[in-house]
Amino acid sequence: MFGFVYIDKPELKMKDYEAYRGVYCSLCKALGKEYSPFARFILNYDCTFLSLVSISRQSTCQGFKSGRCPFNPAKKCNYTVGQEESLSKGAALTVITSYYKLLDNIDDSSFFKKIGCTLIRPFFALWHNKAKAKFPSYEEALKNMYLSQLEVEKSENPCLDMAAEPTAKMLETVFKLEAKNKSEELAFAQFGYHLGRWIYLMDAFKDFADDLRSGGFNPFILKFGSNVDSSEADAVISQSYYLLTKAYELIDKNRFIDILDNIIYKGLAKKQKETLYPERKG
């Protein structure tokens, strides 16, 4: 479910891109510090988005400081100052989602991939135990998503809405935790829900051909058979995209507004177009 929440780089100002990269590098640093240097390898832009949203909501920001990249000491990176809590959120979500993704791979993958995932599971389990102790709400949301998804995949004739519901409910819970009061909860809940639904459906569409070959579960195969209709899938996915943008507009932000706007209005739209209509790329 990774790889969809990203900027549209050509449409972003250089100063905003540097700030975005600064949050990304800071999350990488947090993963190494809180879990393991090897945990840096599971870093992704999707969970960077959570840290970015969290930092944007803070009343104060101490900016960035320059430092060296742990992987390439010759390279300088910018790191956020005084945003440990927001980075810990992104790091924990990265670890917990990666752990449950690993369990899913063990359940559904080919023999050799299953063996590989099983061998690295003890390392992920160690990181996972640390993350769930720090953020039990994230753990509960991800565990419920994983178990609910298993039930959906075992049910008879699950529809698209049923299949997308576990991921939608998971991100609804995660983003609802960012609300500072009751009046904000609905906007964050709706934003997280429709973002989660959008991500799941995008991922399912992207994996359509692979799942068709392997016999893996895919709601688009159940709906369309062996020939998926891009325009019909687009209509379904665009519904969630539209609703997440409307909820996003109700969320108060103190900084990084241009970066967040770029992700929501340009980055997600670009990813949707590239995924649904790869022949139109470029």
C-alpha atoms as a PDB file:
ATOM      1  CA  MET A   1       0.000   0.000   0.000  1.00  0.00           C
ATOM      2  CA  PHE A   2       3.029   2.262  -0.309  1.00  0.00           C
ATOM      3  CA  GLY A   3       4.029   4.638  -3.073  1.00  0.00           C
ATOM      4  CA  PHE A   4       0.953   6.726  -3.775  1.00  0.00           C
ATOM      5  CA  VAL A   5       1.130   9.720  -1.415  1.00  0.00           C
ATOM      6  CA  TYR A   6       3.853  11.836  -2.976  1.00  0.00           C
ATOM      7  CA  ILE A   7       4.532  15.324  -4.281  1.00  0.00           C
ATOM      8  CA  ASP A   8       4.362  16.458  -7.895  1.00  0.00           C
ATOM      9  CA  LYS A   9       7.966  17.661  -7.856  1.00  0.00           C
ATOM     10  CA  PRO A  10       7.953  19.817 -11.033  1.00  0.00           C
ATOM     11  CA  GLU A  11       5.063  21.839  -9.590  1.00  0.00           C
ATOM     12  CA  LEU A  12       6.771  22.481  -6.243  1.00  0.00           C
ATOM     13  CA  LYS A  13       8.995  25.463  -5.446  1.00  0.00           C
ATOM     14  CA  MET A  14      12.599  24.600  -4.628  1.00  0.00           C
ATOM     15  CA  LYS A  15      12.359  25.905  -1.052  1.00  0.00           C
ATOM     16  CA  ASP A  16       9.276  23.750  -0.455  1.00  0.00           C
ATOM     17  CA  TYR A  17      10.964  20.720  -1.972  1.00  0.00           C
ATOM     18  CA  GLU A  18      13.936  21.211   0.357  1.00  0.00           C
ATOM     19  CA  ALA A  19      11.554  21.414   3.333  1.00  0.00           C
ATOM     20  CA  TYR A  20       9.772  18.258   2.186  1.00  0.00           C
ATOM     21  CA  ARG A  21      13.062  16.423   1.824  1.00  0.00           C
ATOM     22  CA  GLY A  22      14.031  17.733   5.255  1.00  0.00           C
ATOM     23  CA  VAL A  23      11.012  16.053   6.860  1.00  0.00           C
ATOM     24  CA  TYR A  24      11.731  12.867   4.883  1.00  0.00           C
ATOM     25  CA  CYS A  25      15.374  12.816   6.041  1.00  0.00           C
ATOM     26  CA  SER A  26      14.289  13.591   9.604  1.00  0.00           C
ATOM     27  CA  LEU A  27      11.934  10.605   9.558  1.00  0.00           C
ATOM     28  CA  CYS A  28      14.787   8.441   8.287  1.00  0.00           C
ATOM     29  CA  LYS A  29      16.901   9.639  11.208  1.00  0.00           C
ATOM     30  CA  ALA A  30      14.069   8.938  13.670  1.00  0.00           C
ATOM     31  CA  LEU A  31      13.674   5.377  12.366  1.00  0.00           C
ATOM     32  CA  GLY A  32      17.378   4.741  12.894  1.00  0.00           C
ATOM     33  CA  LYS A  33      17.403   6.290  16.346  1.00  0.00           C
ATOM     34  CA  GLU A  34      14.200   4.754  17.716  1.00  0.00           C
ATOM     35  CA  TYR A  35      14.321   1.305  16.117  1.00  0.00           C
ATOM     36  CA  SER A  36      17.468   0.302  14.225  1.00  0.00           C
ATOM     37  CA  PRO A  37      19.772   1.577  11.488  1.00  0.00           C
ATOM     38  CA  PHE A  38      18.268  -1.181   9.341  1.00  0.00           C
ATOM     39  CA  ALA A  39      14.769   0.210   9.933  1.00  0.00           C
ATOM     40  CA  ARG A  40      15.773   3.104   7.670  1.00  0.00           C
ATOM     41  CA  PHE A  41      15.314   0.737   4.722  1.00  0.00           C
ATOM     42  CA  ILE A  42      11.527   0.675   5.235  1.00  0.00           C
ATOM     43  CA  LEU A  43      11.267   4.457   5.032  1.00  0.00           C
ATOM     44  CA  ASN A  44       8.531   5.627   2.660  1.00  0.00           C
ATOM     45  CA  TYR A  45       6.917   8.854   1.517  1.00  0.00           C
ATOM     46  CA  ASP A  46       3.412   7.778   2.556  1.00  0.00           C
ATOM     47  CA  CYS A  47       4.259   7.815   6.268  1.00  0.00           C
ATOM     48  CA  THR A  48       6.303  10.986   5.770  1.00  0.00           C
ATOM     49  CA  PHE A  49       2.955  12.563   4.925  1.00  0.00           C
ATOM     50  CA  LEU A  50       1.643  11.842   8.447  1.00  0.00           C
ATOM     51  CA  SER A  51       4.662  13.545  10.031  1.00  0.00           C
ATOM     52  CA  LEU A  52       4.243  16.462   7.635  1.00  0.00           C
ATOM     53  CA  VAL A  53       0.577  16.889   8.595  1.00  0.00           C
ATOM     54  CA  SER A  54       1.441  16.626  12.287  1.00  0.00           C
ATOM     55  CA  ILE A  55       4.208  19.261  12.048  1.00  0.00           C
ATOM     56  CA  SER A  56       1.933  21.557  10.030  1.00  0.00           C
ATOM     57  CA  ARG A  57      -0.473  21.622  12.952  1.00  0.00           C
ATOM     58  CA  GLN A  58       2.072  22.780  15.534  1.00  0.00           C
ATOM     59  CA  SER A  59       1.801  26.343  16.822  1.00  0.00           C
ATOM     60  CA  THR A  60       5.574  26.849  16.622  1.00  0.00           C
ATOM     61  CA  CYS A  61       8.321  25.546  14.352  1.00  0.00           C
ATOM     62  CA  GLN A  62      12.040  25.850  15.045  1.00  0.00           C
ATOM     63  CA  GLY A  63      12.992  25.268  11.437  1.00  0.00           C
ATOM     64  CA  PHE A  64      15.759  22.992  10.148  1.00  0.00           C
ATOM     65  CA  LYS A  65      19.415  22.373  10.856  1.00  0.00           C
ATOM     66  CA  SER A  66      22.046  20.939   8.535  1.00  0.00           C
ATOM     67  CA  GLY A  67      23.632  17.552   9.146  1.00  0.00           C
ATOM     68  CA  ARG A  68      25.297  14.604   7.437  1.00  0.00           C
ATOM     69  CA  CYS A  69      23.415  11.697   5.887  1.00  0.00           C
ATOM     70  CA  PRO A  70      24.179   8.433   7.799  1.00  0.00           C
ATOM     71  CA  PHE A  71      24.261   6.478   4.514  1.00  0.00           C
ATOM     72  CA  ASN A  72      26.360   9.025   2.634  1.00  0.00           C
ATOM     73  CA  PRO A  73      28.494  11.164   4.971  1.00  0.00           C
ATOM     74  CA  ALA A  74      29.552  13.313   2.015  1.00  0.00           C
ATOM     75  CA  LYS A  75      25.951  14.397   1.548  1.00  0.00           C
ATOM     76  CA  LYS A  76      24.379  17.157   3.633  1.00  0.00           C
ATOM     77  CA  CYS A  77      20.767  16.854   4.788  1.00  0.00           C
ATOM     78  CA  ASN A  78      18.356  19.195   6.518  1.00  0.00           C
ATOM     79  CA  TYR A  79      16.725  17.958   9.720  1.00  0.00           C
ATOM     80  CA  THR A  80      13.735  19.413  11.572  1.00  0.00           C
ATOM     81  CA  VAL A  81      14.319  20.877  15.020  1.00  0.00           C
ATOM     82  CA  GLY A  82      12.025  20.158  17.986  1.00  0.00           C
ATOM     83  CA  GLN A  83       9.549  17.897  16.125  1.00  0.00           C
ATOM     84  CA  GLU A  84      10.363  14.594  17.819  1.00  0.00           C
ATOM     85  CA  GLU A  85       6.729  13.684  18.553  1.00  0.00           C
ATOM     86  CA  SER A  86       5.583  14.211  14.961  1.00  0.00           C
ATOM     87  CA  LEU A  87       8.515  12.190  13.643  1.00  0.00           C
ATOM     88  CA  SER A  88       7.878   9.425  16.172  1.00  0.00           C
ATOM     89  CA  LYS A  89       4.347   9.141  14.814  1.00  0.00           C
ATOM     90  CA  GLY A  90       5.596   8.704  11.260  1.00  0.00           C
ATOM     91  CA  ALA A  91       8.279   6.247  12.370  1.00  0.00           C
ATOM     92  CA  ALA A  92       5.832   4.128  14.370  1.00  0.00           C
ATOM     93  CA  LEU A  93       3.312   4.041  11.531  1.00  0.00           C
ATOM     94  CA  THR A  94       6.101   3.041   9.133  1.00  0.00           C
ATOM     95  CA  VAL A  95       7.166   0.153  11.359  1.00  0.00           C
ATOM     96  CA  ILE A  96       3.678  -1.131  12.182  1.00  0.00           C
ATOM     97  CA  THR A  97       2.374  -0.974   8.611  1.00  0.00           C
ATOM     98  CA  SER A  98       5.533  -2.688   7.358  1.00  0.00           C
ATOM     99  CA  TYR A  99       5.142  -5.443   9.947  1.00  0.00           C
ATOM    100  CA  TYR A 100       1.573  -6.239   8.921  1.00  0.00           C
ATOM    101  CA  LYS A 101       2.548  -6.016   5.264  1.00  0.00           C
ATOM    102  CA  LEU A 102       5.216  -8.623   6.024  1.00  0.00           C
ATOM    103  CA  LEU A 103       2.605 -10.893   7.644  1.00  0.00           C
ATOM    104  CA  ASP A 104       0.425 -10.471   4.570  1.00  0.00           C
ATOM    105  CA  ASN A 105       3.352 -11.460   2.331  1.00  0.00           C
ATOM    106  CA  ILE A 106       3.961 -14.563   4.439  1.00  0.00           C
ATOM    107  CA  ASP A 107       0.300 -15.523   4.023  1.00  0.00           C
ATOM    108  CA  ASP A 108      -0.033 -14.863   0.293  1.00  0.00           C
ATOM    109  CA  SER A 109       3.368 -14.916  -1.405  1.00  0.00           C
ATOM    110  CA  SER A 110       5.163 -17.575  -3.415  1.00  0.00           C
ATOM    111  CA  PHE A 111       7.249 -20.191  -1.615  1.00  0.00           C
ATOM    112  CA  PHE A 112      10.624 -18.466  -1.927  1.00  0.00           C
ATOM    113  CA  LYS A 113       9.302 -15.013  -1.066  1.00  0.00           C
ATOM    114  CA  LYS A 114       7.480 -16.511   1.910  1.00  0.00           C
ATOM    115  CA  ILE A 115      10.736 -18.065   3.142  1.00  0.00           C
ATOM    116  CA  GLY A 116      12.550 -14.738   2.816  1.00  0.00           C
ATOM    117  CA  CYS A 117       9.830 -12.859   4.684  1.00  0.00           C
ATOM    118  CA  THR A 118       9.801 -15.479   7.429  1.00  0.00           C
ATOM    119  CA  LEU A 119      13.565 -15.136   7.912  1.00  0.00           C
ATOM    120  CA  ILE A 120      13.405 -11.369   8.458  1.00  0.00           C
ATOM    121  CA  ARG A 121      10.245 -11.448  10.564  1.00  0.00           C
ATOM    122  CA  PRO A 122      12.119 -11.577  13.938  1.00  0.00           C
ATOM    123  CA  PHE A 123      13.767  -8.212  13.179  1.00  0.00           C
ATOM    124  CA  PHE A 124      10.440  -6.652  12.194  1.00  0.00           C
ATOM    125  CA  ALA A 125       8.807  -8.159  15.287  1.00  0.00           C
ATOM    126  CA  LEU A 126      11.376  -6.468  17.519  1.00  0.00           C
ATOM    127  CA  TRP A 127      10.749  -3.069  15.921  1.00  0.00           C
ATOM    128  CA  HIS A 128       7.007  -3.720  15.967  1.00  0.00           C
ATOM    129  CA  ASN A 129       7.000  -4.382  19.708  1.00  0.00           C
ATOM    130  CA  LYS A 130       8.701  -1.037  20.328  1.00  0.00           C
ATOM    131  CA  ALA A 131       6.323   0.841  18.028  1.00  0.00           C
ATOM    132  CA  LYS A 132       3.124  -0.609  19.448  1.00  0.00           C
ATOM    133  CA  ALA A 133       4.291   0.194  22.993  1.00  0.00           C
ATOM    134  CA  LYS A 134       4.774   3.840  21.983  1.00  0.00           C
ATOM    135  CA  PHE A 135       1.587   4.176  19.931  1.00  0.00           C
ATOM    136  CA  PRO A 136      -0.959   1.508  20.970  1.00  0.00           C
ATOM    137  CA  SER A 137      -3.716   3.296  19.033  1.00  0.00           C
ATOM    138  CA  TYR A 138      -1.806   2.780  15.787  1.00  0.00           C
ATOM    139  CA  GLU A 139      -1.273  -0.874  16.659  1.00  0.00           C
ATOM    140  CA  GLU A 140      -4.960  -1.414  17.336  1.00  0.00           C
ATOM    141  CA  ALA A 141      -5.935   0.279  14.075  1.00  0.00           C
ATOM    142  CA  LEU A 142      -3.449  -1.743  11.996  1.00  0.00           C
ATOM    143  CA  LYS A 143      -4.246  -5.033  13.708  1.00  0.00           C
ATOM    144  CA  ASN A 144      -7.968  -4.498  13.137  1.00  0.00           C
ATOM    145  CA  MET A 145      -7.262  -3.678   9.492  1.00  0.00           C
ATOM    146  CA  TYR A 146      -5.197  -6.835   9.023  1.00  0.00           C
ATOM    147  CA  LEU A 147      -7.766  -9.129  10.652  1.00  0.00           C
ATOM    148  CA  SER A 148     -10.694  -7.470   8.887  1.00  0.00           C
ATOM    149  CA  GLN A 149      -8.929  -7.797   5.527  1.00  0.00           C
ATOM    150  CA  LEU A 150      -8.446 -11.511   6.107  1.00  0.00           C
ATOM    151  CA  GLU A 151     -12.173 -11.856   6.784  1.00  0.00           C
ATOM    152  CA  VAL A 152     -13.051  -9.905   3.641  1.00  0.00           C
ATOM    153  CA  GLU A 153     -10.813 -12.080   1.487  1.00  0.00           C
ATOM    154  CA  LYS A 154     -12.447 -15.235   2.860  1.00  0.00           C
ATOM    155  CA  SER A 155     -15.988 -13.958   2.386  1.00  0.00           C
ATOM    156  CA  GLU A 156     -18.179 -14.792  -0.592  1.00  0.00           C
ATOM    157  CA  ASN A 157     -18.332 -12.205  -3.384  1.00  0.00           C
ATOM    158  CA  PRO A 158     -16.798  -9.216  -1.536  1.00  0.00           C
ATOM    159  CA  CYS A 159     -17.486  -5.946  -3.337  1.00  0.00           C
ATOM    160  CA  LEU A 160     -15.076  -3.036  -3.831  1.00  0.00           C
ATOM    161  CA  ASP A 161     -16.511  -1.105  -0.900  1.00  0.00           C
ATOM    162  CA  MET A 162     -16.189  -4.076   1.452  1.00  0.00           C
ATOM    163  CA  ALA A 163     -12.612  -4.759   0.347  1.00  0.00           C
ATOM    164  CA  ALA A 164     -11.510  -1.123   0.816  1.00  0.00           C
ATOM    165  CA  GLU A 165     -13.221  -0.677   4.194  1.00  0.00           C
ATOM    166  CA  PRO A 166     -10.431  -2.065   6.478  1.00  0.00           C
ATOM    167  CA  THR A 167      -7.762   0.289   5.087  1.00  0.00           C
ATOM    168  CA  ALA A 168     -10.221   3.189   5.092  1.00  0.00           C
ATOM    169  CA  LYS A 169     -11.117   2.611   8.753  1.00  0.00           C
ATOM    170  CA  MET A 170      -7.458   2.254   9.704  1.00  0.00           C
ATOM    171  CA  LEU A 171      -6.442   5.647   8.300  1.00  0.00           C
ATOM    172  CA  GLU A 172      -9.624   7.181   9.666  1.00  0.00           C
ATOM    173  CA  THR A 173      -8.413   6.200  13.147  1.00  0.00           C
ATOM    174  CA  VAL A 174      -4.831   7.358  12.531  1.00  0.00           C
ATOM    175  CA  PHE A 175      -5.768  10.813  11.249  1.00  0.00           C
ATOM    176  CA  LYS A 176      -8.586  11.301  13.747  1.00  0.00           C
ATOM    177  CA  LEU A 177      -5.883  11.251  16.425  1.00  0.00           C
ATOM    178  CA  GLU A 178      -4.512  14.477  14.912  1.00  0.00           C
ATOM    179  CA  ALA A 179      -7.671  16.411  15.844  1.00  0.00           C
ATOM    180  CA  LYS A 180      -7.195  18.847  18.715  1.00  0.00           C
ATOM    181  CA  ASN A 181     -10.869  18.995  19.633  1.00  0.00           C
ATOM    182  CA  LYS A 182     -14.230  17.386  18.872  1.00  0.00           C
ATOM    183  CA  SER A 183     -15.082  19.886  16.150  1.00  0.00           C
ATOM    184  CA  GLU A 184     -12.008  18.795  14.143  1.00  0.00           C
ATOM    185  CA  GLU A 185     -12.555  15.073  14.517  1.00  0.00           C
ATOM    186  CA  LEU A 186     -15.107  14.727  11.720  1.00  0.00           C
ATOM    187  CA  ALA A 187     -12.889  16.455   9.134  1.00  0.00           C
ATOM    188  CA  PHE A 188      -9.857  14.335  10.060  1.00  0.00           C
ATOM    189  CA  ALA A 189     -11.926  11.154  10.213  1.00  0.00           C
ATOM    190  CA  GLN A 190     -13.406  11.758   6.762  1.00  0.00           C
ATOM    191  CA  PHE A 191     -10.039  12.724   5.323  1.00  0.00           C
ATOM    192  CA  GLY A 192      -8.344   9.595   6.683  1.00  0.00           C
ATOM    193  CA  TYR A 193     -11.221   7.341   5.641  1.00  0.00           C
ATOM    194  CA  HIS A 194     -11.325   8.455   2.028  1.00  0.00           C
ATOM    195  CA  LEU A 195      -7.528   8.628   1.746  1.00  0.00           C
ATOM    196  CA  GLY A 196      -7.365   5.035   3.002  1.00  0.00           C
ATOM    197  CA  ARG A 197     -10.050   3.943   0.551  1.00  0.00           C
ATOM    198  CA  TRP A 198      -8.254   5.740  -2.278  1.00  0.00           C
ATOM    199  CA  ILE A 199      -4.915   4.116  -1.417  1.00  0.00           C
ATOM    200  CA  TYR A 200      -6.413   0.622  -1.205  1.00  0.00           C
ATOM    201  CA  LEU A 201      -8.225   0.898  -4.527  1.00  0.00           C
ATOM    202  CA  MET A 202      -5.158   2.373  -6.223  1.00  0.00           C
ATOM    203  CA  ASP A 203      -3.011  -0.463  -4.894  1.00  0.00           C
ATOM    204  CA  ALA A 204      -5.553  -3.069  -5.983  1.00  0.00           C
ATOM    205  CA  PHE A 205      -5.699  -1.631  -9.488  1.00  0.00           C
ATOM    206  CA  LYS A 206      -1.894  -1.489  -9.730  1.00  0.00           C
ATOM    207  CA  ASP A 207      -1.656  -5.158  -8.683  1.00  0.00           C
ATOM    208  CA  PHE A 208      -4.440  -6.319 -11.025  1.00  0.00           C
ATOM    209  CA  ALA A 209      -2.206  -8.047 -13.591  1.00  0.00           C
ATOM    210  CA  ASP A 210       0.022  -9.700 -10.956  1.00  0.00           C
ATOM    211  CA  ASP A 211      -2.969 -10.956  -8.958  1.00  0.00           C
ATOM    212  CA  LEU A 212      -4.598 -12.252 -12.124  1.00  0.00           C
ATOM    213  CA  ARG A 213      -1.495 -14.335 -12.886  1.00  0.00           C
ATOM    214  CA  SER A 214      -0.964 -15.556  -9.315  1.00  0.00           C
ATOM    215  CA  GLY A 215      -4.599 -16.026  -8.347  1.00  0.00           C
ATOM    216  CA  GLY A 216      -4.272 -13.501  -5.521  1.00  0.00           C
ATOM    217  CA  PHE A 217      -7.258 -11.684  -4.062  1.00  0.00           C
ATOM    218  CA  ASN A 218      -8.200  -8.535  -5.954  1.00  0.00           C
ATOM    219  CA  PRO A 219     -11.623  -6.842  -5.826  1.00  0.00           C
ATOM    220  CA  PHE A 220     -11.231  -5.504  -9.376  1.00  0.00           C
ATOM    221  CA  ILE A 221     -10.861  -9.060 -10.685  1.00  0.00           C
ATOM    222  CA  LEU A 222     -14.052 -10.031  -8.876  1.00  0.00           C
ATOM    223  CA  LYS A 223     -15.855  -7.058 -10.404  1.00  0.00           C
ATOM    224  CA  PHE A 224     -14.429  -6.957 -13.925  1.00  0.00           C
ATOM    225  CA  GLY A 225     -13.008 -10.427 -14.506  1.00  0.00           C
ATOM    226  CA  SER A 226      -9.840 -10.664 -16.581  1.00  0.00           C
ATOM    227  CA  ASN A 227     -10.355  -7.321 -18.345  1.00  0.00           C
ATOM    228  CA  VAL A 228     -10.416  -4.393 -15.974  1.00  0.00           C
ATOM    229  CA  ASP A 229     -12.179  -1.274 -17.211  1.00  0.00           C
ATOM    230  CA  SER A 230      -9.939   1.710 -16.439  1.00  0.00           C
ATOM    231  CA  SER A 231     -12.702   4.281 -16.903  1.00  0.00           C
ATOM    232  CA  GLU A 232     -15.076   2.497 -14.519  1.00  0.00           C
ATOM    233  CA  ALA A 233     -12.285   2.013 -11.973  1.00  0.00           C
ATOM    234  CA  ASP A 234     -11.434   5.697 -12.393  1.00  0.00           C
ATOM    235  CA  ALA A 235     -14.997   6.684 -11.507  1.00  0.00           C
ATOM    236  CA  VAL A 236     -14.894   4.614  -8.307  1.00  0.00           C
ATOM    237  CA  ILE A 237     -11.465   5.878  -7.234  1.00  0.00           C
ATOM    238  CA  SER A 238     -12.239   9.489  -8.151  1.00  0.00           C
ATOM    239  CA  GLN A 239     -15.193   9.469  -5.789  1.00  0.00           C
ATOM    240  CA  SER A 240     -12.866   8.908  -2.837  1.00  0.00           C
ATOM    241  CA  TYR A 241     -10.352  11.400  -4.227  1.00  0.00           C
ATOM    242  CA  TYR A 242     -13.024  14.102  -4.416  1.00  0.00           C
ATOM    243  CA  LEU A 243     -14.263  13.414  -0.871  1.00  0.00           C
ATOM    244  CA  LEU A 244     -10.762  13.417   0.642  1.00  0.00           C
ATOM    245  CA  THR A 245     -10.030  16.801  -0.964  1.00  0.00           C
ATOM    246  CA  LYS A 246     -13.248  18.256   0.484  1.00  0.00           C
ATOM    247  CA  ALA A 247     -12.342  16.988   3.970  1.00  0.00           C
ATOM    248  CA  TYR A 248      -8.749  18.239   3.582  1.00  0.00           C
ATOM    249  CA  GLU A 249     -10.043  21.764   2.974  1.00  0.00           C
ATOM    250  CA  LEU A 250     -11.607  21.754   6.452  1.00  0.00           C
ATOM    251  CA  ILE A 251      -8.325  20.968   8.235  1.00  0.00           C
ATOM    252  CA  ASP A 252      -6.451  23.906   9.802  1.00  0.00           C
ATOM    253  CA  LYS A 253      -2.741  24.096   8.988  1.00  0.00           C
ATOM    254  CA  ASN A 254      -0.090  26.547  10.231  1.00  0.00           C
ATOM    255  CA  ARG A 255       2.752  25.722   7.823  1.00  0.00           C
ATOM    256  CA  PHE A 256       3.805  23.550   4.888  1.00  0.00           C
ATOM    257  CA  ILE A 257       0.517  24.503   3.230  1.00  0.00           C
ATOM    258  CA  ASP A 258       2.014  24.716  -0.263  1.00  0.00           C
ATOM    259  CA  ILE A 259       3.627  21.291   0.156  1.00  0.00           C
ATOM    260  CA  LEU A 260       0.448  19.666   1.460  1.00  0.00           C
ATOM    261  CA  ASP A 261      -1.645  21.311  -1.257  1.00  0.00           C
ATOM    262  CA  ASN A 262       0.807  20.010  -3.846  1.00  0.00           C
ATOM    263  CA  ILE A 263       0.476  16.452  -2.514  1.00  0.00           C
ATOM    264  CA  ILE A 264      -3.324  16.499  -2.300  1.00  0.00           C
ATOM    265  CA  TYR A 265      -4.238  18.394  -5.459  1.00  0.00           C
ATOM    266  CA  LYS A 266      -1.355  17.503  -7.767  1.00  0.00           C
ATOM    267  CA  GLY A 267       0.604  14.521  -6.458  1.00  0.00           C
ATOM    268  CA  LEU A 268      -2.362  12.233  -5.786  1.00  0.00           C
ATOM    269  CA  ALA A 269      -4.089  13.236  -9.028  1.00  0.00           C
ATOM    270  CA  LYS A 270      -0.897  12.552 -10.994  1.00  0.00           C
ATOM    271  CA  LYS A 271      -0.450   9.138  -9.355  1.00  0.00           C
ATOM    272  CA  GLN A 272      -4.051   8.244 -10.154  1.00  0.00           C
ATOM    273  CA  LYS A 273      -3.649   9.168 -13.800  1.00  0.00           C
ATOM    274  CA  GLU A 274      -0.321   7.329 -14.166  1.00  0.00           C
ATOM    275  CA  THR A 275      -1.690   4.193 -12.464  1.00  0.00           C
ATOM    276  CA  LEU A 276      -5.008   3.993 -14.289  1.00  0.00           C
ATOM    277  CA  TYR A 277      -3.768   5.111 -17.699  1.00  0.00           C
ATOM    278  CA  PRO A 278      -0.072   4.122 -17.930  1.00  0.00           C
ATOM    279  CA  GLU A 279      -0.214   4.383 -21.722  1.00  0.00           C
ATOM    280  CA  ARG A 280      -0.774   8.146 -21.376  1.00  0.00           C
ATOM    281  CA  LYS A 281       2.371   8.721 -19.280  1.00  0.00           C
ATOM    282  CA  GLY A 282       4.306  11.728 -20.403  1.00  0.00           C
END
